[in-house]
Protein backbone atom coordinates (compact mmCIF):
# COMPACT_ATOMS: atom_id res chain seq x y z
CA MET A 1 8.53 0.77 38.32
CA ALA A 2 10.56 -0.91 35.63
CA ARG A 3 8.44 -2.61 33.02
CA ILE A 4 10.17 -5.78 31.53
CA ALA A 5 9.08 -7.54 28.40
CA TYR A 6 9.54 -11.20 29.24
CA LEU A 7 9.89 -12.73 25.69
CA VAL A 8 9.46 -16.49 25.66
CA SER A 9 9.43 -18.82 22.73
CA SER A 10 6.18 -20.66 22.02
CA ALA A 11 7.74 -23.34 19.86
CA ARG A 12 6.95 -26.89 20.55
CA GLU A 13 9.18 -28.69 17.93
CA ILE A 14 12.50 -28.08 16.37
CA GLU A 15 13.52 -29.49 13.05
CA LEU A 16 16.80 -31.50 13.23
CA ALA A 17 19.40 -31.64 10.59
CA ASP A 18 17.94 -34.81 9.16
CA GLY A 19 14.47 -33.23 8.80
CA SER A 20 12.93 -35.08 11.74
CA ARG A 21 11.02 -33.24 14.47
CA HIS A 22 12.12 -33.04 18.15
CA PRO A 23 10.19 -31.68 21.09
CA THR A 24 11.32 -28.30 22.35
CA GLY A 25 10.20 -25.17 24.21
CA TYR A 26 11.65 -22.98 26.94
CA PHE A 27 14.07 -24.19 29.66
CA ALA A 28 12.10 -24.29 32.95
CA GLU A 29 14.88 -23.14 35.37
CA GLU A 30 15.95 -20.33 33.10
CA ALA A 31 12.35 -19.04 32.93
CA VAL A 32 11.15 -19.35 36.56
CA LYS A 33 14.22 -17.99 38.41
CA PRO A 34 14.51 -14.67 36.58
CA TYR A 35 10.68 -14.08 36.57
CA GLU A 36 10.52 -14.52 40.29
CA ARG A 37 13.63 -12.36 40.81
CA PHE A 38 12.14 -9.57 38.75
CA ILE A 39 8.76 -9.71 40.49
CA ALA A 40 10.45 -9.81 43.93
CA ALA A 41 12.51 -6.66 43.02
CA GLY A 42 9.30 -4.77 42.17
CA ALA A 43 9.32 -4.85 38.39
CA GLU A 44 6.25 -5.16 36.29
CA VAL A 45 6.79 -8.20 34.07
CA VAL A 46 4.76 -8.77 30.96
CA VAL A 47 5.11 -12.19 29.44
CA LEU A 48 5.12 -12.19 25.62
CA THR A 49 5.23 -14.93 23.05
CA PRO A 50 5.67 -14.18 19.31
CA ASP A 51 2.09 -15.36 18.49
CA GLY A 52 0.36 -15.28 21.83
CA ARG A 53 0.31 -19.06 22.25
CA PRO A 54 1.21 -20.26 25.68
CA PRO A 55 4.82 -21.30 25.94
CA LEU A 56 5.72 -24.90 26.52
CA ALA A 57 8.36 -26.12 28.99
CA ASP A 58 10.83 -28.27 27.08
CA PRO A 59 10.55 -31.87 28.34
CA TYR A 60 14.31 -32.27 28.18
CA GLY A 61 14.73 -29.21 30.42
CA LEU A 62 12.57 -30.94 33.03
CA GLU A 63 14.91 -33.97 33.39
CA HIS A 64 15.90 -34.30 36.96
CA PHE A 65 19.62 -33.75 36.35
CA PHE A 66 19.00 -30.21 35.35
CA HIS A 67 17.53 -29.51 38.77
CA TYR A 68 20.03 -30.74 41.26
CA PRO A 69 19.60 -28.72 44.51
CA GLU A 70 22.09 -25.89 44.81
CA GLU A 71 23.62 -27.19 47.93
CA ASP A 72 24.59 -30.41 46.17
CA GLN A 73 25.93 -28.46 43.13
CA ASP A 74 28.03 -26.26 45.40
CA PHE A 75 29.39 -29.21 47.31
CA PHE A 76 30.19 -30.94 44.00
CA ALA A 77 32.21 -27.86 43.00
CA SER A 78 34.15 -28.03 46.25
CA VAL A 79 35.01 -31.55 45.33
CA THR A 80 36.28 -30.90 41.76
CA ARG A 81 38.32 -28.02 43.07
CA THR A 82 40.47 -30.51 45.04
CA PHE A 83 41.79 -32.02 41.78
CA HIS A 84 42.04 -29.02 39.61
CA HIS A 85 43.00 -25.43 40.32
CA ASP A 86 42.61 -23.91 36.90
CA PRO A 87 39.36 -24.49 34.94
CA ASP A 88 41.52 -25.04 31.81
CA ASP A 89 42.89 -28.13 33.62
CA ILE A 90 39.57 -30.03 33.55
CA ARG A 91 36.49 -30.41 31.56
CA VAL A 92 33.44 -31.44 33.59
CA THR A 93 30.96 -32.50 30.90
CA LEU A 94 27.09 -32.95 31.07
CA HIS A 95 27.79 -36.73 30.90
CA GLN A 96 29.98 -36.69 33.94
CA THR A 97 27.51 -34.61 36.02
CA THR A 98 24.49 -36.58 34.94
CA GLU A 99 25.63 -40.09 34.52
CA LEU A 100 28.60 -40.72 36.94
CA ASP A 101 26.68 -39.78 40.17
CA LEU A 102 29.32 -37.22 41.07
CA VAL A 103 26.82 -34.70 42.41
CA ALA A 104 25.76 -37.18 45.06
CA ALA A 105 29.11 -36.38 46.82
CA ARG A 106 27.41 -34.26 49.55
CA ARG A 107 25.02 -37.02 50.54
CA ILE A 108 27.71 -39.57 50.51
CA VAL A 109 29.82 -37.44 52.87
CA ALA A 110 26.84 -37.06 55.21
CA ARG A 111 26.74 -40.95 55.50
CA LEU A 112 30.41 -41.13 56.13
CA THR A 113 30.28 -38.49 58.80
CA ALA A 114 27.44 -40.38 60.48
CA ARG A 115 29.85 -43.32 60.70
CA GLY A 116 32.43 -41.25 62.60
CA PHE A 117 34.56 -39.62 59.82
CA THR A 118 35.22 -35.97 60.32
CA PRO A 119 33.85 -33.76 57.60
CA ALA A 120 37.37 -33.15 56.21
CA GLU A 121 38.15 -36.89 56.18
CA ALA A 122 34.97 -37.71 54.42
CA HIS A 123 35.34 -34.91 51.91
CA ALA A 124 38.93 -36.05 51.17
CA LEU A 125 37.72 -39.72 50.68
CA VAL A 126 34.96 -38.74 48.28
CA SER A 127 37.17 -36.28 46.44
CA LYS A 128 39.80 -38.94 45.77
CA ALA A 129 37.04 -41.32 44.42
CA ALA A 130 35.51 -38.50 42.31
CA LYS A 131 38.79 -37.80 40.67
CA ILE A 132 39.25 -41.40 39.65
CA ALA A 133 35.56 -41.59 38.45
CA TRP A 134 36.15 -38.38 36.33
CA GLN A 135 39.50 -39.69 34.87
CA GLU A 136 38.25 -43.19 34.17
CA ASP A 137 34.62 -42.44 33.10
CA ARG A 138 33.28 -44.61 35.99
CA ARG A 139 30.37 -44.20 38.41
CA LEU A 140 31.32 -42.71 41.76
CA GLY A 141 29.79 -45.48 43.87
CA ALA A 142 31.46 -48.16 41.91
CA VAL A 143 34.84 -46.49 42.27
CA MET A 144 34.42 -45.97 46.05
CA VAL A 145 33.62 -49.73 46.52
CA SER A 146 36.15 -51.23 44.21
CA GLU A 147 39.01 -48.93 45.11
CA GLY A 148 38.49 -49.27 48.93
CA LEU A 149 37.37 -45.66 49.28
CA ASP A 150 33.90 -46.39 50.61
CA GLY A 151 34.76 -45.83 54.32
CA GLY A 152 32.78 -48.87 55.27
CA LEU A 153 29.65 -47.90 53.33
CA SER A 154 28.03 -50.69 51.36
CA ALA A 155 27.20 -50.38 47.67
CA GLY A 156 23.57 -50.17 48.75
CA GLU A 157 24.26 -47.28 51.06
CA VAL A 158 26.11 -45.34 48.36
CA GLN A 159 23.29 -46.01 45.86
CA ALA A 160 20.75 -44.84 48.46
CA ALA A 161 22.62 -41.50 48.47
CA VAL A 162 22.41 -41.33 44.75
CA ASP A 163 18.74 -42.25 44.73
CA GLU A 164 18.07 -39.60 47.39
CA LEU A 165 19.73 -36.91 45.18
CA ASN A 166 17.76 -37.93 42.11
CA ALA A 167 14.50 -37.87 44.04
CA ALA A 168 15.14 -34.46 45.39
CA ALA A 169 16.14 -33.15 41.96
CA GLN A 170 13.00 -34.55 40.42
CA GLU A 171 10.83 -33.02 43.09
CA LEU A 172 12.52 -29.68 42.46
CA ALA A 173 11.80 -30.03 38.71
CA THR A 174 8.20 -30.69 39.39
CA GLU A 175 7.97 -27.84 41.84
CA ARG A 176 9.50 -25.37 39.30
CA LYS A 177 7.14 -26.51 36.66
CA ALA A 178 4.16 -26.02 38.99
CA ARG A 179 5.27 -22.41 39.81
CA LEU A 180 5.56 -21.63 36.10
CA ASP A 181 2.13 -23.11 35.39
CA ALA A 182 0.76 -20.83 38.17
CA ILE A 183 1.96 -17.64 36.48
CA PRO A 184 -0.88 -16.06 34.61
CA GLY A 185 1.23 -14.67 31.85
CA PHE A 186 2.56 -18.21 31.01
CA ARG A 187 -0.99 -19.44 30.72
CA GLU A 188 -2.22 -16.50 28.75
CA PRO A 189 0.77 -14.47 27.26
CA THR A 190 0.55 -11.23 25.35
CA ALA A 191 1.15 -11.67 21.55
CA LEU A 192 4.17 -9.71 20.50
CA SER A 193 2.68 -9.54 16.94
CA LEU A 194 -0.22 -7.56 18.18
CA LEU A 195 1.87 -4.76 19.93
CA SER A 196 2.47 -1.56 18.14
CA ASP A 197 5.92 0.18 18.13
CA GLU A 198 4.42 2.64 20.68
CA ASP A 199 3.41 -0.31 22.87
CA LEU A 200 7.03 -1.69 22.55
CA ALA A 201 8.47 1.66 23.57
CA GLY A 202 6.61 1.33 26.87
CA PHE A 203 9.01 -1.40 27.98
CA ASP A 204 12.23 -0.53 29.91
CA ALA A 205 13.99 -3.78 29.06
CA VAL A 206 13.50 -7.21 27.56
CA PHE A 207 14.63 -10.54 28.89
CA THR A 208 14.57 -13.91 26.95
CA PRO A 209 15.19 -17.25 28.65
CA GLY A 210 16.74 -20.21 26.78
CA GLY A 211 15.78 -23.69 25.77
CA HIS A 212 16.06 -24.66 22.09
CA GLY A 213 12.67 -22.89 21.32
CA PRO A 214 14.30 -19.46 20.51
CA MET A 215 16.10 -21.05 17.58
CA VAL A 216 12.68 -21.91 16.09
CA ASP A 217 10.59 -18.70 16.47
CA LEU A 218 12.84 -15.87 17.73
CA ALA A 219 15.86 -15.92 15.42
CA ASP A 220 14.22 -14.71 12.33
CA ASN A 221 11.13 -12.89 13.38
CA PRO A 222 9.93 -9.46 12.13
CA ASP A 223 8.20 -8.63 15.48
CA VAL A 224 11.21 -9.45 17.43
CA ARG A 225 13.17 -7.22 14.92
CA ARG A 226 10.76 -4.37 15.82
CA LEU A 227 11.22 -4.99 19.53
CA LEU A 228 14.94 -4.97 19.36
CA ALA A 229 15.01 -1.81 17.12
CA VAL A 230 12.68 0.08 19.42
CA LEU A 231 14.47 -0.82 22.66
CA HIS A 232 17.98 -0.43 21.27
CA GLY A 233 16.97 2.95 19.87
CA LYS A 234 16.45 4.18 23.45
CA GLN A 235 19.42 2.14 24.81
CA ALA A 236 17.11 -0.03 26.96
CA PRO A 237 18.72 -3.17 28.33
CA ILE A 238 18.39 -6.17 26.20
CA ALA A 239 19.08 -9.42 28.11
CA ALA A 240 19.12 -12.99 26.91
CA LEU A 241 20.21 -16.32 28.41
CA CYS A 242 21.64 -19.55 27.06
CA HIS A 243 19.91 -20.11 23.69
CA GLY A 244 17.89 -16.91 24.25
CA PRO A 245 20.46 -14.81 22.38
CA ALA A 246 19.21 -16.38 19.30
CA LEU A 247 16.70 -13.49 19.24
CA LEU A 248 19.63 -11.11 18.40
CA LEU A 249 19.77 -12.73 14.94
CA SER A 250 16.43 -10.96 14.19
CA ALA A 251 18.03 -7.58 14.77
CA PRO A 252 18.03 -5.15 11.83
CA ASP A 253 21.06 -3.66 10.21
CA ARG A 254 22.39 -0.29 11.21
CA GLU A 255 22.49 2.65 8.77
CA ASP A 256 26.10 1.60 7.85
CA GLY A 257 24.75 -1.79 6.66
CA GLN A 258 26.22 -3.72 9.63
CA TRP A 259 24.22 -5.94 12.00
CA LEU A 260 22.83 -4.00 14.87
CA PHE A 261 25.06 -5.71 17.38
CA ASP A 262 28.13 -6.00 15.20
CA GLY A 263 31.24 -5.70 17.38
CA TYR A 264 29.37 -6.20 20.64
CA ARG A 265 30.87 -8.64 23.12
CA LEU A 266 28.33 -11.35 24.02
CA THR A 267 27.89 -14.98 25.00
CA CYS A 268 25.37 -17.72 24.59
CA PHE A 269 25.22 -21.56 24.93
CA THR A 270 28.51 -22.66 23.32
CA ASP A 271 28.98 -25.21 20.51
CA GLU A 272 30.95 -27.29 23.07
CA GLU A 273 27.98 -27.34 25.38
CA GLU A 274 25.50 -28.01 22.58
CA ASP A 275 27.43 -31.04 21.37
CA GLN A 276 26.79 -32.62 24.90
CA THR A 277 22.97 -32.19 24.81
CA VAL A 278 20.52 -34.65 23.34
CA PRO A 279 19.34 -32.34 20.48
CA GLY A 280 22.97 -31.56 19.76
CA LYS A 281 23.89 -35.26 19.58
CA LEU A 282 20.78 -35.93 17.34
CA GLY A 283 22.07 -33.16 14.99
CA LEU A 284 20.80 -29.53 14.96
CA PRO A 285 20.56 -27.64 11.64
CA TRP A 286 22.59 -24.73 13.13
CA TYR A 287 24.30 -23.54 16.36
CA VAL A 288 23.58 -20.21 18.08
CA ASP A 289 27.21 -19.74 19.09
CA THR A 290 28.42 -20.01 15.45
CA ALA A 291 25.57 -17.97 14.04
CA LEU A 292 26.26 -15.02 16.38
CA LYS A 293 29.90 -15.13 15.47
CA ASN A 294 29.13 -15.13 11.78
CA ALA A 295 26.68 -12.21 12.34
CA GLY A 296 29.52 -10.10 13.69
CA ALA A 297 29.53 -10.70 17.41
CA VAL A 298 32.73 -10.70 19.50
CA PHE A 299 32.13 -14.00 21.29
CA ASP A 300 33.16 -14.17 24.86
CA ASP A 301 32.59 -17.59 26.61
CA GLY A 302 33.64 -18.65 29.99
CA PRO A 303 36.87 -20.54 30.80
CA ALA A 304 35.02 -23.85 30.89
CA ALA A 305 31.73 -25.27 29.79
CA TRP A 306 28.75 -25.28 32.16
CA ILE A 307 30.07 -22.67 34.49
CA SER A 308 28.39 -19.28 35.16
CA HIS A 309 29.47 -16.57 32.67
CA VAL A 310 27.73 -13.27 31.97
CA VAL A 311 28.79 -10.57 29.55
CA VAL A 312 27.62 -6.99 29.66
CA ASP A 313 28.45 -4.71 26.78
CA ARG A 314 26.64 -1.43 26.69
CA ASN A 315 22.98 -2.18 26.89
CA LEU A 316 23.37 -5.86 25.93
CA ILE A 317 23.37 -8.46 28.69
CA THR A 318 23.97 -12.12 27.85
CA GLY A 319 24.39 -15.29 29.91
CA GLN A 320 26.11 -18.49 28.67
CA ASN A 321 24.09 -21.37 30.12
CA PRO A 322 21.76 -22.50 32.83
CA ALA A 323 24.38 -21.90 35.53
CA SER A 324 24.37 -18.30 34.47
CA THR A 325 20.62 -17.80 35.19
CA GLU A 326 20.75 -15.86 38.44
CA ALA A 327 23.74 -13.74 37.49
CA THR A 328 22.11 -12.76 34.22
CA ALA A 329 18.87 -11.77 35.90
CA ASP A 330 20.77 -9.80 38.54
CA ALA A 331 22.70 -7.95 35.75
CA LEU A 332 19.45 -6.84 34.23
CA LEU A 333 18.09 -5.73 37.61
CA LYS A 334 21.19 -3.68 38.07
CA ALA A 335 20.75 -2.18 34.61
CA VAL A 336 17.24 -0.99 35.37
CA SER A 337 18.27 0.21 38.83
CA LEU A 338 16.42 -2.38 40.85
CA ARG A 339 19.53 -3.85 42.38
């Protein structure tokens, strides 16, 4: 049975560039999905925090728009593919997916098909409206009504589809938080600081989810340094997601004086993505992307922001963003021969 150290930040606040404090913690989706995947695969998962304090779910990560149901996200991707064929041709930002109602496309199409449109006709109508909404930074429903692309739906019916999506997303966020709260290790984690090097050697891998918390208590931590040195010394998988790769900044230098992961290909939450988040707009004191590059990483991000992207280089596994959650977890399971 593989034994995985599930290292989670216990930070509750992050200091912004102007010296003010902002709530933080771990990102709920990135924490619950890999944990449940590892348990289902038969791994022993030990939840660790640097100081043994229970981790806190970042309130920002519990916003409904980070928890759109997968069927709605997949359908939205099928819509955007109708007006771009290369990811370099389009940038779908966090603003566009959270404030323009574009992810409600599937539910609007369902209402159009109920009125007699074929699925293909309804998809084409919504896709045309979505392209205009994306180009002109307008809400999807307003575009459909004003441009005559509503297929006979009233503004109220379109808004009902949006409200239905948001309610489903909020329900999913609440459900994920409840599942995390029910995990004993999240209520009473093991303190990394109390584990000896011999204890650390008993782990077969480490996984760290994101949220801005790792920037606070994992990026310059002597106990994280010990964990990385021990696991890397036996070439055990080291996996981190989104902001989680901030823990790599705690890694010691090699005998040649270079950073332990100098020259490794890796990814993390990019500066482009960070600038779209609330903490990024408020002003962070540093960015994980830039810090890892400066440390000596060969940075490898995806062809566009917010899409799944995972990089595996030797025993190092990194995922770029929340969309990379499942793929990063699966890469670790493969590395420990559980997939």
